[in-house]
C-alpha atoms as a PDB file:
ATOM      1  CA  MET A   1      -5.792 -15.142 -19.027  1.00  0.00           C
ATOM      2  CA  LEU A   2      -6.473 -12.452 -16.326  1.00  0.00           C
ATOM      3  CA  ASN A   3      -4.763 -11.983 -12.800  1.00  0.00           C
ATOM      4  CA  LYS A   4      -5.819  -8.656 -11.411  1.00  0.00           C
ATOM      5  CA  VAL A   5      -6.739  -7.550  -8.058  1.00  0.00           C
ATOM      6  CA  GLN A   6      -8.403  -4.185  -6.949  1.00  0.00           C
ATOM      7  CA  LEU A   7      -8.659  -3.423  -3.199  1.00  0.00           C
ATOM      8  CA  ILE A   8      -9.100  -0.197  -1.129  1.00  0.00           C
ATOM      9  CA  GLY A   9      -8.217  -0.452   2.868  1.00  0.00           C
ATOM     10  CA  ARG A  10      -6.286   0.530   5.388  1.00  0.00           C
ATOM     11  CA  LEU A  11      -2.645  -0.842   6.180  1.00  0.00           C
ATOM     12  CA  GLY A  12      -2.364  -3.253   8.999  1.00  0.00           C
ATOM     13  CA  LYS A  13       1.187  -2.198  10.156  1.00  0.00           C
ATOM     14  CA  ASP A  14       3.950   0.303   9.118  1.00  0.00           C
ATOM     15  CA  PRO A  15       5.540  -0.786   6.000  1.00  0.00           C
ATOM     16  CA  GLU A  16       8.568  -2.780   5.924  1.00  0.00           C
ATOM     17  CA  ILE A  17      11.088  -1.376   3.515  1.00  0.00           C
ATOM     18  CA  ARG A  18      14.173  -3.657   2.485  1.00  0.00           C
ATOM     19  CA  TYR A  19      16.713  -3.138  -0.469  1.00  0.00           C
ATOM     20  CA  THR A  20      17.913  -6.087  -2.830  1.00  0.00           C
ATOM     21  CA  GLN A  21      21.538  -6.559  -3.681  1.00  0.00           C
ATOM     22  CA  GLY A  22      20.927  -4.530  -6.763  1.00  0.00           C
ATOM     23  CA  SER A  23      19.593  -1.323  -4.528  1.00  0.00           C
ATOM     24  CA  GLU A  24      16.067  -1.746  -5.630  1.00  0.00           C
ATOM     25  CA  ALA A  25      13.373  -1.068  -2.844  1.00  0.00           C
ATOM     26  CA  VAL A  26      10.801  -3.825  -1.540  1.00  0.00           C
ATOM     27  CA  ALA A  27       8.121  -2.721   0.661  1.00  0.00           C
ATOM     28  CA  THR A  28       5.861  -5.329   2.527  1.00  0.00           C
ATOM     29  CA  VAL A  29       2.810  -4.564   4.512  1.00  0.00           C
ATOM     30  CA  SER A  30      -0.693  -6.203   5.360  1.00  0.00           C
ATOM     31  CA  LEU A  31      -3.852  -4.726   4.185  1.00  0.00           C
ATOM     32  CA  ALA A  32      -7.297  -4.523   6.247  1.00  0.00           C
ATOM     33  CA  THR A  33     -10.111  -4.683   3.782  1.00  0.00           C
ATOM     34  CA  SER A  34     -13.250  -5.408   5.826  1.00  0.00           C
ATOM     35  CA  GLU A  35     -13.043  -7.099   9.288  1.00  0.00           C
ATOM     36  CA  SER A  36     -13.266  -4.878  12.205  1.00  0.00           C
ATOM     37  CA  TRP A  37     -14.061  -5.176  15.727  1.00  0.00           C
ATOM     38  CA  LYS A  38     -13.615  -3.564  19.270  1.00  0.00           C
ATOM     39  CA  ASP A  39     -11.289  -5.234  21.997  1.00  0.00           C
ATOM     40  CA  LYS A  40     -12.260  -6.014  25.506  1.00  0.00           C
ATOM     41  CA  ASN A  41     -10.702  -2.303  26.041  1.00  0.00           C
ATOM     42  CA  GLY A  42     -13.125  -0.739  23.423  1.00  0.00           C
ATOM     43  CA  GLU A  43     -10.421  -0.166  21.030  1.00  0.00           C
ATOM     44  CA  LYS A  44     -11.086  -0.713  17.273  1.00  0.00           C
ATOM     45  CA  GLN A  45      -9.124  -3.722  15.417  1.00  0.00           C
ATOM     46  CA  GLU A  46      -8.764  -4.683  12.201  1.00  0.00           C
ATOM     47  CA  LYS A  47      -7.480  -7.890  10.633  1.00  0.00           C
ATOM     48  CA  PRO A  48      -4.818  -7.777   8.186  1.00  0.00           C
ATOM     49  CA  ASP A  49      -6.570  -9.536   5.397  1.00  0.00           C
ATOM     50  CA  HIS A  50      -3.972  -9.316   2.502  1.00  0.00           C
ATOM     51  CA  ASN A  51      -0.161  -9.395   2.168  1.00  0.00           C
ATOM     52  CA  LEU A  52       0.942  -6.866  -0.087  1.00  0.00           C
ATOM     53  CA  VAL A  53       4.579  -6.310  -1.898  1.00  0.00           C
ATOM     54  CA  PHE A  54       5.539  -3.039  -3.577  1.00  0.00           C
ATOM     55  CA  TYR A  55       8.881  -2.988  -5.900  1.00  0.00           C
ATOM     56  CA  ARG A  56      11.317  -0.001  -6.866  1.00  0.00           C
ATOM     57  CA  ARG A  57      10.079   3.661  -6.904  1.00  0.00           C
ATOM     58  CA  LEU A  58       6.777   2.530  -5.453  1.00  0.00           C
ATOM     59  CA  ALA A  59       8.252   0.742  -2.486  1.00  0.00           C
ATOM     60  CA  GLU A  60      10.113   3.789  -1.660  1.00  0.00           C
ATOM     61  CA  VAL A  61       6.646   6.323  -1.900  1.00  0.00           C
ATOM     62  CA  VAL A  62       5.191   3.546   0.449  1.00  0.00           C
ATOM     63  CA  GLY A  63       7.781   3.878   2.895  1.00  0.00           C
ATOM     64  CA  GLU A  64       8.007   7.777   2.904  1.00  0.00           C
ATOM     65  CA  HIS A  65       4.325   8.400   2.771  1.00  0.00           C
ATOM     66  CA  LEU A  66       2.363   5.675   4.205  1.00  0.00           C
ATOM     67  CA  LYS A  67       1.992   4.215   8.148  1.00  0.00           C
ATOM     68  CA  LYS A  68      -0.236   1.923   9.946  1.00  0.00           C
ATOM     69  CA  GLY A  69      -4.094   3.180   9.241  1.00  0.00           C
ATOM     70  CA  SER A  70      -3.218   4.795   6.247  1.00  0.00           C
ATOM     71  CA  LEU A  71      -6.082   4.194   3.428  1.00  0.00           C
ATOM     72  CA  ILE A  72      -4.711   3.440  -0.047  1.00  0.00           C
ATOM     73  CA  TYR A  73      -6.193   1.907  -3.473  1.00  0.00           C
ATOM     74  CA  VAL A  74      -4.205  -0.978  -5.019  1.00  0.00           C
ATOM     75  CA  GLU A  75      -4.028  -2.857  -7.880  1.00  0.00           C
ATOM     76  CA  GLY A  76      -1.620  -6.033  -8.627  1.00  0.00           C
ATOM     77  CA  LYS A  77      -1.666  -9.286  -9.436  1.00  0.00           C
ATOM     78  CA  ILE A  78      -2.133 -12.346  -7.054  1.00  0.00           C
ATOM     79  CA  THR A  79       1.186 -14.633  -6.480  1.00  0.00           C
ATOM     80  CA  THR A  80       1.782 -17.798  -4.290  1.00  0.00           C
ATOM     81  CA  GLU A  81       5.221 -18.952  -3.129  1.00  0.00           C
ATOM     82  CA  LYS A  82       5.926 -22.324  -1.712  1.00  0.00           C
ATOM     83  CA  TYR A  83       8.381 -22.862   0.955  1.00  0.00           C
ATOM     84  CA  GLN A  84       9.320 -25.589   3.313  1.00  0.00           C
ATOM     85  CA  LYS A  85       9.012 -25.567   7.337  1.00  0.00           C
ATOM     86  CA  ASP A  86       9.824 -28.313   9.755  1.00  0.00           C
ATOM     87  CA  GLY A  87       9.722 -30.399   6.409  1.00  0.00           C
ATOM     88  CA  GLU A  88       6.219 -29.481   5.518  1.00  0.00           C
ATOM     89  CA  ASP A  89       5.395 -27.631   2.096  1.00  0.00           C
ATOM     90  CA  ARG A  90       3.639 -24.331   3.165  1.00  0.00           C
ATOM     91  CA  TYR A  91       2.345 -21.625   0.837  1.00  0.00           C
ATOM     92  CA  VAL A  92       1.868 -17.944   1.489  1.00  0.00           C
ATOM     93  CA  THR A  93      -0.054 -15.571  -1.088  1.00  0.00           C
ATOM     94  CA  LYS A  94       0.947 -12.205  -1.690  1.00  0.00           C
ATOM     95  CA  ILE A  95      -0.430  -9.521  -3.851  1.00  0.00           C
ATOM     96  CA  VAL A  96       2.427  -7.935  -6.040  1.00  0.00           C
ATOM     97  CA  VAL A  97       0.979  -4.196  -6.306  1.00  0.00           C
ATOM     98  CA  SER A  98       1.620  -2.329  -9.747  1.00  0.00           C
ATOM     99  CA  GLU A  99      -0.445   0.630  -9.060  1.00  0.00           C
ATOM    100  CA  MET A 100      -1.105   2.580  -5.700  1.00  0.00           C
ATOM    101  CA  LYS A 101      -3.238   5.514  -4.949  1.00  0.00           C
ATOM    102  CA  MET A 102      -3.332   7.220  -1.401  1.00  0.00           C
ATOM    103  CA  LEU A 103      -6.898   8.062  -0.506  1.00  0.00           C
ATOM    104  CA  GLY A 104      -6.161  10.436   2.302  1.00  0.00           C
ATOM    105  CA  GLY A 105      -7.876   8.884   4.969  1.00  0.00           C
ATOM    106  CA  ASN A 106      -5.446   8.471   8.046  1.00  0.00           C
ATOM    107  CA  LYS A 107      -7.012   7.597  11.505  1.00  0.00           C
ATOM    108  CA  THR A 108      -3.727   6.609  13.315  1.00  0.00           C
ATOM    109  CA  ASP A 109      -3.992   9.482  15.696  1.00  0.00           C
ATOM    110  CA  GLY A 110      -7.485   9.166  16.729  1.00  0.00           C
ATOM    111  CA  GLU A 111      -8.882  11.793  14.516  1.00  0.00           C
ATOM    112  CA  PRO A 112      -9.566  11.344  10.725  1.00  0.00           C
ATOM    113  CA  HIS A 113      -7.446  13.273   8.171  1.00  0.00           C
ATOM    114  CA  VAL A 114      -9.377  15.050   5.679  1.00  0.00           C
ATOM    115  CA  ALA A 115      -7.492  16.052   2.565  1.00  0.00           C
ATOM    116  CA  ALA A 116      -7.618  19.676   1.514  1.00  0.00           C
ATOM    117  CA  PRO A 117      -9.281  20.273  -1.559  1.00  0.00           C
ATOM    118  CA  ALA A 118      -6.890  19.944  -4.835  1.00  0.00           C
ATOM    119  CA  PRO A 119      -6.375  23.252  -6.686  1.00  0.00           C
ATOM    120  CA  ALA A 120      -7.987  23.383 -10.277  1.00  0.00           C
ATOM    121  CA  ALA A 121      -5.755  21.342 -12.644  1.00  0.00           C
ATOM    122  CA  SER A 122      -4.730  22.822 -15.722  1.00  0.00           C
ATOM    123  CA  ALA A 123      -4.062  20.617 -18.424  1.00  0.00           C
ATOM    124  CA  ALA A 124      -0.209  21.248 -18.112  1.00  0.00           C
ATOM    125  CA  ASN A 125      -0.420  20.372 -14.352  1.00  0.00           C
ATOM    126  CA  LYS A 126      -2.219  17.198 -14.116  1.00  0.00           C
ATOM    127  CA  CYS A 127      -1.728  14.282 -10.999  1.00  0.00           C
ATOM    128  CA  LYS A 128      -0.121  11.541 -12.408  1.00  0.00           C
ATOM    129  CA  THR A 129      -0.745   8.041 -10.911  1.00  0.00           C
ATOM    130  CA  THR A 130       2.384   6.344  -9.778  1.00  0.00           C
ATOM    131  CA  LYS A 131       2.950   2.927 -11.178  1.00  0.00           C
ATOM    132  CA  ALA A 132       5.653   0.081 -10.319  1.00  0.00           C
ATOM    133  CA  GLY A 133       9.011   1.091 -11.893  1.00  0.00           C
ATOM    134  CA  GLN A 134       7.956   4.611 -12.662  1.00  0.00           C
ATOM    135  CA  LYS A 135       9.185   7.798 -10.939  1.00  0.00           C
ATOM    136  CA  PRO A 136       6.559  10.318 -10.400  1.00  0.00           C
ATOM    137  CA  LYS A 137       6.454  13.489 -12.698  1.00  0.00           C
ATOM    138  CA  LEU A 138       6.455  16.834 -10.934  1.00  0.00           C
ATOM    139  CA  ASP A 139       6.092  20.343 -12.344  1.00  0.00           C
ATOM    140  CA  GLU A 140       8.418  22.618 -10.396  1.00  0.00           C
ATOM    141  CA  GLY A 141       5.493  24.971  -9.636  1.00  0.00           C
ATOM    142  CA  SER A 142       3.098  22.327  -8.458  1.00  0.00           C
ATOM    143  CA  PHE A 143       3.982  22.769  -4.757  1.00  0.00           C
END
């Protein structure tokens, strides 16, 4: 069996960060992947298509570095939660993210953000992908 989702999109809102009783970070955010339009004022609008959930260190990274409009790639699994409202069963579908990459595009200030080219990577100084529950490994000389 396989439950895997891969998405590229822009955050539909700033991340909401909270902490569990065990002091683990949880971040939630919406991700717009396709539908966009201009409203009556000529401003571009995007529909938040997907609800994303990040846990532990990955949630902290999201809270520290991302905001509405940030372009990201995520991998994760689809989950569905059942709850009751007004006596009726309701369902919410979320994507629990296990891997995330910031793609550097940020159009929140009206101008696209262009990431500077990365320096040539040596074998000892390669970029690590951050996965849920892992802290990124940083070399002292990498900044």
